[in-house]
Amino acid sequence: MSSTTRITVTLPSEQVSELKRLTDNVSGCVAGAVARQMRHVLLGDDLRQYQEQEGQFSDEELAEARARNSAATAITSEEDAA
């Protein structure tokens, strides 16, 4: 089991109310959001570094990446709805 550290986070009251309505595990939900944001930032850093070394992505590469992302998002949304 990974270790945890208790912290204080300030959120708008409306978000806290909705979060508590949606889940009994507020800490888990917040931890998931933090993990997604960290992956997003790290991926952005990796993509910038790649383009610095290999050059800009072509329009075709960007279109393919967007299509794959849309398909993955659709699958995730369907799984969340189930």
PDB file of N, CA and C in Angstrom:
ATOM      1  N   MET A   1       0.844  -1.179   0.000  1.00  0.00           N
ATOM      2  CA  MET A   1       0.000   0.000   0.000  1.00  0.00           C
ATOM      3  C   MET A   1       0.887   1.239   0.000  1.00  0.00           C
ATOM      4  N   SER A   2       0.525   2.237  -0.822  1.00  0.00           N
ATOM      5  CA  SER A   2       1.344   3.440  -0.871  1.00  0.00           C
ATOM      6  C   SER A   2       1.044   4.326   0.333  1.00  0.00           C
ATOM      7  N   SER A   3       2.041   5.102   0.698  1.00  0.00           N
ATOM      8  CA  SER A   3       1.836   5.995   1.838  1.00  0.00           C
ATOM      9  C   SER A   3       1.013   7.196   1.411  1.00  0.00           C
ATOM     10  N   THR A   4       0.379   7.830   2.354  1.00  0.00           N
ATOM     11  CA  THR A   4      -0.431   9.012   2.078  1.00  0.00           C
ATOM     12  C   THR A   4      -0.025  10.131   3.018  1.00  0.00           C
ATOM     13  N   THR A   5      -0.334  11.346   2.602  1.00  0.00           N
ATOM     14  CA  THR A   5      -0.105  12.534   3.420  1.00  0.00           C
ATOM     15  C   THR A   5      -1.389  13.330   3.448  1.00  0.00           C
ATOM     16  N   ARG A   6      -1.799  13.710   4.608  1.00  0.00           N
ATOM     17  CA  ARG A   6      -3.023  14.500   4.765  1.00  0.00           C
ATOM     18  C   ARG A   6      -2.692  15.958   4.461  1.00  0.00           C
ATOM     19  N   ILE A   7      -3.495  16.579   3.579  1.00  0.00           N
ATOM     20  CA  ILE A   7      -3.304  17.988   3.239  1.00  0.00           C
ATOM     21  C   ILE A   7      -4.666  18.688   3.308  1.00  0.00           C
ATOM     22  N   THR A   8      -4.634  19.996   3.255  1.00  0.00           N
ATOM     23  CA  THR A   8      -5.844  20.786   3.190  1.00  0.00           C
ATOM     24  C   THR A   8      -5.931  21.387   1.794  1.00  0.00           C
ATOM     25  N   VAL A   9      -7.097  21.257   1.188  1.00  0.00           N
ATOM     26  CA  VAL A   9      -7.334  21.803  -0.142  1.00  0.00           C
ATOM     27  C   VAL A   9      -8.547  22.716  -0.052  1.00  0.00           C
ATOM     28  N   THR A  10      -8.459  23.886  -0.643  1.00  0.00           N
ATOM     29  CA  THR A  10      -9.574  24.820  -0.658  1.00  0.00           C
ATOM     30  C   THR A  10     -10.245  24.764  -2.016  1.00  0.00           C
ATOM     31  N   LEU A  11     -11.551  24.468  -2.006  1.00  0.00           N
ATOM     32  CA  LEU A  11     -12.352  24.387  -3.227  1.00  0.00           C
ATOM     33  C   LEU A  11     -13.599  25.243  -3.052  1.00  0.00           C
ATOM     34  N   PRO A  12     -14.181  25.675  -4.162  1.00  0.00           N
ATOM     35  CA  PRO A  12     -15.456  26.388  -4.054  1.00  0.00           C
ATOM     36  C   PRO A  12     -16.505  25.496  -3.389  1.00  0.00           C
ATOM     37  N   SER A  13     -17.332  26.082  -2.552  1.00  0.00           N
ATOM     38  CA  SER A  13     -18.343  25.327  -1.803  1.00  0.00           C
ATOM     39  C   SER A  13     -19.240  24.510  -2.716  1.00  0.00           C
ATOM     40  N   GLU A  14     -19.599  25.066  -3.868  1.00  0.00           N
ATOM     41  CA  GLU A  14     -20.468  24.356  -4.811  1.00  0.00           C
ATOM     42  C   GLU A  14     -19.803  23.067  -5.303  1.00  0.00           C
ATOM     43  N   GLN A  15     -18.505  23.127  -5.563  1.00  0.00           N
ATOM     44  CA  GLN A  15     -17.784  21.928  -6.013  1.00  0.00           C
ATOM     45  C   GLN A  15     -17.752  20.874  -4.920  1.00  0.00           C
ATOM     46  N   VAL A  16     -17.535  21.298  -3.697  1.00  0.00           N
ATOM     47  CA  VAL A  16     -17.492  20.348  -2.583  1.00  0.00           C
ATOM     48  C   VAL A  16     -18.857  19.685  -2.405  1.00  0.00           C
ATOM     49  N   SER A  17     -19.899  20.459  -2.467  1.00  0.00           N
ATOM     50  CA  SER A  17     -21.250  19.888  -2.331  1.00  0.00           C
ATOM     51  C   SER A  17     -21.523  18.864  -3.425  1.00  0.00           C
ATOM     52  N   GLU A  18     -21.208  19.210  -4.656  1.00  0.00           N
ATOM     53  CA  GLU A  18     -21.442  18.296  -5.775  1.00  0.00           C
ATOM     54  C   GLU A  18     -20.548  17.056  -5.667  1.00  0.00           C
ATOM     55  N   LEU A  19     -19.328  17.249  -5.253  1.00  0.00           N
ATOM     56  CA  LEU A  19     -18.406  16.125  -5.087  1.00  0.00           C
ATOM     57  C   LEU A  19     -18.922  15.149  -4.044  1.00  0.00           C
ATOM     58  N   LYS A  20     -19.395  15.665  -2.934  1.00  0.00           N
ATOM     59  CA  LYS A  20     -19.942  14.798  -1.880  1.00  0.00           C
ATOM     60  C   LYS A  20     -21.215  14.096  -2.341  1.00  0.00           C
ATOM     61  N   ARG A  21     -21.976  14.749  -3.224  1.00  0.00           N
ATOM     62  CA  ARG A  21     -23.178  14.125  -3.756  1.00  0.00           C
ATOM     63  C   ARG A  21     -22.814  12.973  -4.704  1.00  0.00           C
ATOM     64  N   LEU A  22     -21.712  13.132  -5.420  1.00  0.00           N
ATOM     65  CA  LEU A  22     -21.313  12.150  -6.428  1.00  0.00           C
ATOM     66  C   LEU A  22     -20.557  10.953  -5.869  1.00  0.00           C
ATOM     67  N   THR A  23     -19.863  11.139  -4.748  1.00  0.00           N
ATOM     68  CA  THR A  23     -19.014  10.053  -4.257  1.00  0.00           C
ATOM     69  C   THR A  23     -18.909  10.073  -2.738  1.00  0.00           C
ATOM     70  N   ASP A  24     -18.695   8.890  -2.186  1.00  0.00           N
ATOM     71  CA  ASP A  24     -18.389   8.774  -0.759  1.00  0.00           C
ATOM     72  C   ASP A  24     -16.885   8.877  -0.518  1.00  0.00           C
ATOM     73  N   ASN A  25     -16.110   8.826  -1.602  1.00  0.00           N
ATOM     74  CA  ASN A  25     -14.654   8.822  -1.498  1.00  0.00           C
ATOM     75  C   ASN A  25     -14.100  10.112  -2.097  1.00  0.00           C
ATOM     76  N   VAL A  26     -14.259  11.215  -1.386  1.00  0.00           N
ATOM     77  CA  VAL A  26     -13.788  12.506  -1.874  1.00  0.00           C
ATOM     78  C   VAL A  26     -12.277  12.487  -2.066  1.00  0.00           C
ATOM     79  N   SER A  27     -11.547  11.927  -1.133  1.00  0.00           N
ATOM     80  CA  SER A  27     -10.083  11.882  -1.257  1.00  0.00           C
ATOM     81  C   SER A  27      -9.663  11.122  -2.508  1.00  0.00           C
ATOM     82  N   GLY A  28     -10.322   9.998  -2.766  1.00  0.00           N
ATOM     83  CA  GLY A  28      -9.993   9.208  -3.954  1.00  0.00           C
ATOM     84  C   GLY A  28     -10.281   9.969  -5.233  1.00  0.00           C
ATOM     85  N   CYS A  29     -11.383  10.689  -5.255  1.00  0.00           N
ATOM     86  CA  CYS A  29     -11.751  11.482  -6.421  1.00  0.00           C
ATOM     87  C   CYS A  29     -10.728  12.594  -6.662  1.00  0.00           C
ATOM     88  N   VAL A  30     -10.350  13.288  -5.606  1.00  0.00           N
ATOM     89  CA  VAL A  30      -9.355  14.354  -5.719  1.00  0.00           C
ATOM     90  C   VAL A  30      -8.005  13.771  -6.133  1.00  0.00           C
ATOM     91  N   ALA A  31      -7.624  12.638  -5.559  1.00  0.00           N
ATOM     92  CA  ALA A  31      -6.357  12.003  -5.933  1.00  0.00           C
ATOM     93  C   ALA A  31      -6.363  11.621  -7.415  1.00  0.00           C
ATOM     94  N   GLY A  32      -7.496  11.120  -7.914  1.00  0.00           N
ATOM     95  CA  GLY A  32      -7.604  10.782  -9.330  1.00  0.00           C
ATOM     96  C   GLY A  32      -7.459  12.004 -10.215  1.00  0.00           C
ATOM     97  N   ALA A  33      -8.084  13.111  -9.814  1.00  0.00           N
ATOM     98  CA  ALA A  33      -7.978  14.349 -10.589  1.00  0.00           C
ATOM     99  C   ALA A  33      -6.541  14.862 -10.609  1.00  0.00           C
ATOM    100  N   VAL A  34      -5.864  14.779  -9.479  1.00  0.00           N
ATOM    101  CA  VAL A  34      -4.466  15.208  -9.410  1.00  0.00           C
ATOM    102  C   VAL A  34      -3.602  14.321 -10.303  1.00  0.00           C
ATOM    103  N   ALA A  35      -3.827  13.012 -10.270  1.00  0.00           N
ATOM    104  CA  ALA A  35      -3.053  12.087 -11.106  1.00  0.00           C
ATOM    105  C   ALA A  35      -3.269  12.388 -12.590  1.00  0.00           C
ATOM    106  N   ARG A  36      -4.525  12.653 -12.996  1.00  0.00           N
ATOM    107  CA  ARG A  36      -4.802  12.984 -14.398  1.00  0.00           C
ATOM    108  C   ARG A  36      -4.096  14.274 -14.796  1.00  0.00           C
ATOM    109  N   GLN A  37      -4.131  15.274 -13.922  1.00  0.00           N
ATOM    110  CA  GLN A  37      -3.470  16.548 -14.235  1.00  0.00           C
ATOM    111  C   GLN A  37      -1.958  16.354 -14.351  1.00  0.00           C
ATOM    112  N   MET A  38      -1.385  15.556 -13.472  1.00  0.00           N
ATOM    113  CA  MET A  38       0.059  15.301 -13.534  1.00  0.00           C
ATOM    114  C   MET A  38       0.426  14.601 -14.844  1.00  0.00           C
ATOM    115  N   ARG A  39      -0.378  13.596 -15.254  1.00  0.00           N
ATOM    116  CA  ARG A  39      -0.122  12.913 -16.529  1.00  0.00           C
ATOM    117  C   ARG A  39      -0.226  13.900 -17.690  1.00  0.00           C
ATOM    118  N   HIS A  40      -1.216  14.791 -17.633  1.00  0.00           N
ATOM    119  CA  HIS A  40      -1.413  15.784 -18.679  1.00  0.00           C
ATOM    120  C   HIS A  40      -0.180  16.691 -18.808  1.00  0.00           C
ATOM    121  N   VAL A  41       0.304  17.174 -17.691  1.00  0.00           N
ATOM    122  CA  VAL A  41       1.479  18.059 -17.693  1.00  0.00           C
ATOM    123  C   VAL A  41       2.709  17.309 -18.190  1.00  0.00           C
ATOM    124  N   LEU A  42       2.920  16.096 -17.702  1.00  0.00           N
ATOM    125  CA  LEU A  42       4.092  15.318 -18.120  1.00  0.00           C
ATOM    126  C   LEU A  42       4.036  14.963 -19.595  1.00  0.00           C
ATOM    127  N   LEU A  43       2.849  14.612 -20.089  1.00  0.00           N
ATOM    128  CA  LEU A  43       2.706  14.318 -21.516  1.00  0.00           C
ATOM    129  C   LEU A  43       3.007  15.559 -22.344  1.00  0.00           C
ATOM    130  N   GLY A  44       2.510  16.707 -21.919  1.00  0.00           N
ATOM    131  CA  GLY A  44       2.810  17.953 -22.625  1.00  0.00           C
ATOM    132  C   GLY A  44       4.301  18.228 -22.673  1.00  0.00           C
ATOM    133  N   ASP A  45       4.988  17.998 -21.560  1.00  0.00           N
ATOM    134  CA  ASP A  45       6.449  18.179 -21.519  1.00  0.00           C
ATOM    135  C   ASP A  45       7.133  17.223 -22.497  1.00  0.00           C
ATOM    136  N   ASP A  46       6.693  15.961 -22.497  1.00  0.00           N
ATOM    137  CA  ASP A  46       7.278  14.972 -23.408  1.00  0.00           C
ATOM    138  C   ASP A  46       7.051  15.354 -24.867  1.00  0.00           C
ATOM    139  N   LEU A  47       5.847  15.814 -25.184  1.00  0.00           N
ATOM    140  CA  LEU A  47       5.542  16.194 -26.568  1.00  0.00           C
ATOM    141  C   LEU A  47       6.369  17.402 -26.999  1.00  0.00           C
ATOM    142  N   ARG A  48       6.517  18.385 -26.120  1.00  0.00           N
ATOM    143  CA  ARG A  48       7.360  19.543 -26.448  1.00  0.00           C
ATOM    144  C   ARG A  48       8.796  19.120 -26.685  1.00  0.00           C
ATOM    145  N   GLN A  49       9.316  18.250 -25.817  1.00  0.00           N
ATOM    146  CA  GLN A  49      10.694  17.786 -25.963  1.00  0.00           C
ATOM    147  C   GLN A  49      10.855  17.001 -27.270  1.00  0.00           C
ATOM    148  N   TYR A  50       9.903  16.157 -27.605  1.00  0.00           N
ATOM    149  CA  TYR A  50       9.957  15.392 -28.844  1.00  0.00           C
ATOM    150  C   TYR A  50      10.022  16.331 -30.049  1.00  0.00           C
ATOM    151  N   GLN A  51       9.146  17.357 -30.035  1.00  0.00           N
ATOM    152  CA  GLN A  51       9.118  18.272 -31.172  1.00  0.00           C
ATOM    153  C   GLN A  51      10.392  19.110 -31.267  1.00  0.00           C
ATOM    154  N   GLU A  52      11.002  19.420 -30.131  1.00  0.00           N
ATOM    155  CA  GLU A  52      12.273  20.142 -30.162  1.00  0.00           C
ATOM    156  C   GLU A  52      13.353  19.295 -30.826  1.00  0.00           C
ATOM    157  N   GLN A  53      13.299  17.987 -30.608  1.00  0.00           N
ATOM    158  CA  GLN A  53      14.314  17.086 -31.154  1.00  0.00           C
ATOM    159  C   GLN A  53      13.999  16.618 -32.571  1.00  0.00           C
ATOM    160  N   GLU A  54      12.709  16.377 -32.865  1.00  0.00           N
ATOM    161  CA  GLU A  54      12.322  15.743 -34.127  1.00  0.00           C
ATOM    162  C   GLU A  54      11.596  16.673 -35.091  1.00  0.00           C
ATOM    163  N   GLY A  55      11.218  17.838 -34.643  1.00  0.00           N
ATOM    164  CA  GLY A  55      10.463  18.757 -35.489  1.00  0.00           C
ATOM    165  C   GLY A  55       8.979  18.716 -35.175  1.00  0.00           C
ATOM    166  N   GLN A  56       8.275  19.694 -35.706  1.00  0.00           N
ATOM    167  CA  GLN A  56       6.843  19.832 -35.452  1.00  0.00           C
ATOM    168  C   GLN A  56       6.073  18.644 -36.023  1.00  0.00           C
ATOM    169  N   PHE A  57       4.968  18.313 -35.378  1.00  0.00           N
ATOM    170  CA  PHE A  57       4.086  17.275 -35.886  1.00  0.00           C
ATOM    171  C   PHE A  57       3.427  17.778 -37.168  1.00  0.00           C
ATOM    172  N   SER A  58       3.235  16.867 -38.115  1.00  0.00           N
ATOM    173  CA  SER A  58       2.549  17.232 -39.359  1.00  0.00           C
ATOM    174  C   SER A  58       1.054  17.325 -39.105  1.00  0.00           C
ATOM    175  N   ASP A  59       0.342  17.955 -40.033  1.00  0.00           N
ATOM    176  CA  ASP A  59      -1.117  18.038 -39.924  1.00  0.00           C
ATOM    177  C   ASP A  59      -1.732  16.647 -39.893  1.00  0.00           C
ATOM    178  N   GLU A  60      -1.165  15.728 -40.659  1.00  0.00           N
ATOM    179  CA  GLU A  60      -1.679  14.356 -40.687  1.00  0.00           C
ATOM    180  C   GLU A  60      -1.483  13.665 -39.337  1.00  0.00           C
ATOM    181  N   GLU A  61      -0.321  13.854 -38.725  1.00  0.00           N
ATOM    182  CA  GLU A  61      -0.058  13.256 -37.414  1.00  0.00           C
ATOM    183  C   GLU A  61      -1.011  13.823 -36.355  1.00  0.00           C
ATOM    184  N   LEU A  62      -1.228  15.124 -36.397  1.00  0.00           N
ATOM    185  CA  LEU A  62      -2.143  15.746 -35.437  1.00  0.00           C
ATOM    186  C   LEU A  62      -3.574  15.248 -35.638  1.00  0.00           C
ATOM    187  N   ALA A  63      -4.004  15.126 -36.901  1.00  0.00           N
ATOM    188  CA  ALA A  63      -5.352  14.639 -37.181  1.00  0.00           C
ATOM    189  C   ALA A  63      -5.520  13.210 -36.681  1.00  0.00           C
ATOM    190  N   GLU A  64      -4.512  12.372 -36.889  1.00  0.00           N
ATOM    191  CA  GLU A  64      -4.584  10.980 -36.408  1.00  0.00           C
ATOM    192  C   GLU A  64      -4.635  10.935 -34.885  1.00  0.00           C
ATOM    193  N   ALA A  65      -3.826  11.743 -34.231  1.00  0.00           N
ATOM    194  CA  ALA A  65      -3.821  11.775 -32.761  1.00  0.00           C
ATOM    195  C   ALA A  65      -5.172  12.243 -32.230  1.00  0.00           C
ATOM    196  N   ARG A  66      -5.754  13.252 -32.854  1.00  0.00           N
ATOM    197  CA  ARG A  66      -7.066  13.742 -32.413  1.00  0.00           C
ATOM    198  C   ARG A  66      -8.136  12.671 -32.592  1.00  0.00           C
ATOM    199  N   ALA A  67      -8.079  11.957 -33.714  1.00  0.00           N
ATOM    200  CA  ALA A  67      -9.060  10.895 -33.964  1.00  0.00           C
ATOM    201  C   ALA A  67      -8.927   9.784 -32.930  1.00  0.00           C
ATOM    202  N   ARG A  68      -7.702   9.388 -32.622  1.00  0.00           N
ATOM    203  CA  ARG A  68      -7.486   8.343 -31.614  1.00  0.00           C
ATOM    204  C   ARG A  68      -7.948   8.796 -30.241  1.00  0.00           C
ATOM    205  N   ASN A  69      -7.675  10.056 -29.920  1.00  0.00           N
ATOM    206  CA  ASN A  69      -8.094  10.590 -28.628  1.00  0.00           C
ATOM    207  C   ASN A  69      -9.617  10.633 -28.527  1.00  0.00           C
ATOM    208  N   SER A  70     -10.272  11.040 -29.592  1.00  0.00           N
ATOM    209  CA  SER A  70     -11.740  11.086 -29.597  1.00  0.00           C
ATOM    210  C   SER A  70     -12.319   9.690 -29.409  1.00  0.00           C
ATOM    211  N   ALA A  71     -11.738   8.701 -30.086  1.00  0.00           N
ATOM    212  CA  ALA A  71     -12.218   7.324 -29.959  1.00  0.00           C
ATOM    213  C   ALA A  71     -12.014   6.812 -28.533  1.00  0.00           C
ATOM    214  N   ALA A  72     -10.872   7.103 -27.952  1.00  0.00           N
ATOM    215  CA  ALA A  72     -10.591   6.654 -26.583  1.00  0.00           C
ATOM    216  C   ALA A  72     -11.508   7.344 -25.597  1.00  0.00           C
ATOM    217  N   THR A  73     -11.781   8.620 -25.811  1.00  0.00           N
ATOM    218  CA  THR A  73     -12.681   9.357 -24.940  1.00  0.00           C
ATOM    219  C   THR A  73     -14.092   8.790 -25.015  1.00  0.00           C
ATOM    220  N   ALA A  74     -14.527   8.428 -26.206  1.00  0.00           N
ATOM    221  CA  ALA A  74     -15.862   7.855 -26.387  1.00  0.00           C
ATOM    222  C   ALA A  74     -15.978   6.523 -25.653  1.00  0.00           C
ATOM    223  N   ILE A  75     -14.946   5.699 -25.735  1.00  0.00           N
ATOM    224  CA  ILE A  75     -14.956   4.403 -25.041  1.00  0.00           C
ATOM    225  C   ILE A  75     -15.000   4.621 -23.542  1.00  0.00           C
ATOM    226  N   THR A  76     -14.195   5.555 -23.032  1.00  0.00           N
ATOM    227  CA  THR A  76     -14.168   5.833 -21.593  1.00  0.00           C
ATOM    228  C   THR A  76     -15.523   6.358 -21.123  1.00  0.00           C
ATOM    229  N   SER A  77     -16.149   7.231 -21.918  1.00  0.00           N
ATOM    230  CA  SER A  77     -17.462   7.767 -21.554  1.00  0.00           C
ATOM    231  C   SER A  77     -18.508   6.662 -21.500  1.00  0.00           C
ATOM    232  N   GLU A  78     -18.449   5.729 -22.437  1.00  0.00           N
ATOM    233  CA  GLU A  78     -19.384   4.616 -22.445  1.00  0.00           C
ATOM    234  C   GLU A  78     -19.177   3.738 -21.218  1.00  0.00           C
ATOM    235  N   GLU A  79     -17.932   3.485 -20.843  1.00  0.00           N
ATOM    236  CA  GLU A  79     -17.636   2.672 -19.673  1.00  0.00           C
ATOM    237  C   GLU A  79     -18.108   3.365 -18.397  1.00  0.00           C
ATOM    238  N   ASP A  80     -17.925   4.673 -18.325  1.00  0.00           N
ATOM    239  CA  ASP A  80     -18.365   5.421 -17.148  1.00  0.00           C
ATOM    240  C   ASP A  80     -19.883   5.411 -17.016  1.00  0.00           C
ATOM    241  N   ALA A  81     -20.573   5.397 -18.143  1.00  0.00           N
ATOM    242  CA  ALA A  81     -22.037   5.408 -18.128  1.00  0.00           C
ATOM    243  C   ALA A  81     -22.611   4.067 -17.714  1.00  0.00           C
ATOM    244  N   ALA A  82     -21.839   2.992 -17.925  1.00  0.00           N
ATOM    245  CA  ALA A  82     -22.339   1.638 -17.616  1.00  0.00           C
ATOM    246  C   ALA A  82     -22.376   1.363 -16.128  1.00  0.00           C
TER     247      ALA A  82
END
